[in-house]
Amino acid sequence: MSLQVRAAEKKTGFFEITVAGRLDTTTYTQLEGQIKVLVPSAAGIVLDMTQLEYISSMGLRVIFKAVKDMKAKGGVFLMSNMQPQIKKVFEIANALEKDSVFLSVEEADRYFQAMQEKVKREQGL
């Protein structure tokens, strides 16, 4: 599945990025590119994840970098409307130590995918 990324300026300097589909190793550059364009002029960015079905470690990397870049310039980066399986991945990632826990990106992605599928089953999704 692909990733659709749409951005709109809601107020001067405040942008909303909407993502739909899968944010993974083959699609992360779409979101990364949009964020790179917006960060220099943005005071705030909201990432609407209502239609995001899956996120991999590369997707997490893009989002964590955006948070860091916005903080560095005194702006804010917020996320909204996370699906339960996406929220679970963020909870796991935030609970992990900053050192490398997985042997490879592929291993991390397999783990994140399994956790997301488990949450979706539990939620009846």
Protein backbone atom coordinates (compact mmCIF):
# COMPACT_ATOMS: atom_id res chain seq x y z
CA MET A 1 0.00 0.00 0.00
CA SER A 2 1.10 3.56 -0.59
CA LEU A 3 1.18 6.69 1.51
CA GLN A 4 -0.80 9.82 0.74
CA VAL A 5 0.52 13.06 2.24
CA ARG A 6 -1.40 16.34 2.13
CA ALA A 7 -0.39 19.61 3.73
CA ALA A 8 -2.45 22.73 4.32
CA GLU A 9 -1.67 26.01 6.04
CA LYS A 10 -4.44 26.49 8.61
CA LYS A 11 -3.20 29.87 9.86
CA THR A 12 -0.09 31.79 8.95
CA GLY A 13 2.84 29.61 9.95
CA PHE A 14 0.67 26.75 11.23
CA PHE A 15 0.36 23.67 9.05
CA GLU A 16 -1.59 20.44 9.14
CA ILE A 17 -0.14 17.38 7.43
CA THR A 18 -2.56 14.53 6.81
CA VAL A 19 -1.18 11.06 6.14
CA ALA A 20 -3.08 8.01 4.92
CA GLY A 21 -1.84 4.49 4.29
CA ARG A 22 1.49 2.99 5.33
CA LEU A 23 4.45 4.99 6.59
CA ASP A 24 7.31 2.56 6.05
CA THR A 25 10.73 2.07 4.46
CA THR A 26 9.35 2.57 0.95
CA THR A 27 7.15 5.60 1.67
CA TYR A 28 8.83 7.58 4.46
CA THR A 29 10.57 9.93 1.99
CA GLN A 30 7.19 11.38 1.01
CA LEU A 31 6.51 12.60 4.55
CA GLU A 32 10.14 13.51 5.12
CA GLY A 33 10.14 15.69 2.00
CA GLN A 34 6.94 17.50 3.00
CA ILE A 35 8.25 18.17 6.49
CA LYS A 36 11.56 19.51 5.11
CA VAL A 37 9.64 22.01 2.99
CA LEU A 38 7.49 23.22 5.88
CA VAL A 39 9.90 23.36 8.84
CA PRO A 40 11.76 26.55 7.80
CA SER A 41 8.58 28.66 7.70
CA ALA A 42 6.46 26.81 10.26
CA ALA A 43 5.73 27.91 13.79
CA GLY A 44 3.71 24.74 14.27
CA ILE A 45 2.92 21.50 12.49
CA VAL A 46 0.14 19.05 13.35
CA LEU A 47 0.38 15.56 11.90
CA ASP A 48 -3.12 14.11 11.48
CA MET A 49 -2.82 10.31 11.62
CA THR A 50 -6.53 9.45 11.33
CA GLN A 51 -5.96 7.33 8.24
CA LEU A 52 -2.46 6.03 9.00
CA GLU A 53 -2.69 2.24 9.08
CA TYR A 54 0.92 1.25 9.74
CA ILE A 55 4.22 2.80 10.82
CA SER A 56 7.71 1.34 10.64
CA SER A 57 10.92 2.34 12.37
CA MET A 58 11.75 4.64 9.43
CA GLY A 59 8.40 6.38 9.90
CA LEU A 60 9.19 6.86 13.58
CA ARG A 61 12.59 8.29 12.67
CA VAL A 62 11.01 10.89 10.36
CA ILE A 63 8.55 11.98 13.05
CA PHE A 64 11.12 12.10 15.85
CA LYS A 65 13.43 14.17 13.62
CA ALA A 66 10.58 16.57 12.84
CA VAL A 67 9.90 16.99 16.56
CA LYS A 68 13.59 17.70 17.17
CA ASP A 69 13.85 20.15 14.24
CA MET A 70 10.76 22.09 15.31
CA LYS A 71 11.92 22.27 18.94
CA ALA A 72 15.33 23.54 17.81
CA LYS A 73 13.69 26.50 16.08
CA GLY A 74 11.24 27.18 18.91
CA GLY A 75 8.25 25.69 17.11
CA VAL A 76 5.94 22.82 17.94
CA PHE A 77 5.19 19.49 16.29
CA LEU A 78 2.02 17.74 17.42
CA MET A 79 0.35 14.47 16.45
CA SER A 80 -3.37 13.83 16.43
CA ASN A 81 -5.87 11.04 15.84
CA MET A 82 -3.55 8.07 16.26
CA GLN A 83 -5.06 4.68 15.57
CA PRO A 84 -4.58 2.23 18.49
CA GLN A 85 -1.90 0.19 16.70
CA ILE A 86 0.08 3.33 15.84
CA LYS A 87 -0.18 4.59 19.42
CA LYS A 88 1.17 1.23 20.63
CA VAL A 89 4.28 1.61 18.46
CA PHE A 90 4.94 5.08 19.91
CA GLU A 91 4.49 3.72 23.43
CA ILE A 92 6.96 0.93 22.72
CA ALA A 93 9.47 3.25 21.05
CA ASN A 94 9.33 5.75 23.91
CA ALA A 95 9.81 2.95 26.44
CA LEU A 96 12.92 1.62 24.71
CA GLU A 97 16.36 2.71 25.76
CA LYS A 98 18.08 5.06 23.34
CA ASP A 99 20.75 2.45 22.59
CA SER A 100 20.23 -0.03 19.77
CA VAL A 101 17.81 -2.68 20.95
CA PHE A 102 17.20 -4.45 17.65
CA LEU A 103 19.85 -6.07 15.48
CA SER A 104 18.54 -4.41 12.31
CA VAL A 105 15.88 -2.11 10.93
CA GLU A 106 14.18 -5.17 9.49
CA GLU A 107 14.02 -6.81 12.92
CA ALA A 108 12.53 -3.65 14.43
CA ASP A 109 9.98 -3.43 11.63
CA ARG A 110 8.93 -7.07 12.08
CA TYR A 111 8.44 -6.43 15.80
CA PHE A 112 6.45 -3.21 15.22
CA GLN A 113 4.28 -4.91 12.58
CA ALA A 114 3.50 -7.82 14.90
CA MET A 115 2.55 -5.43 17.72
CA GLN A 116 0.31 -3.36 15.43
CA GLU A 117 -1.46 -6.46 14.10
CA LYS A 118 -2.01 -7.68 17.67
CA VAL A 119 -3.59 -4.37 18.72
CA LYS A 120 -5.82 -4.33 15.62
CA ARG A 121 -7.03 -7.87 16.41
CA GLU A 122 -7.73 -6.93 20.01
CA GLN A 123 -9.66 -3.84 18.84
CA GLY A 124 -11.58 -5.86 16.25
CA LEU A 125 -10.14 -3.76 13.42
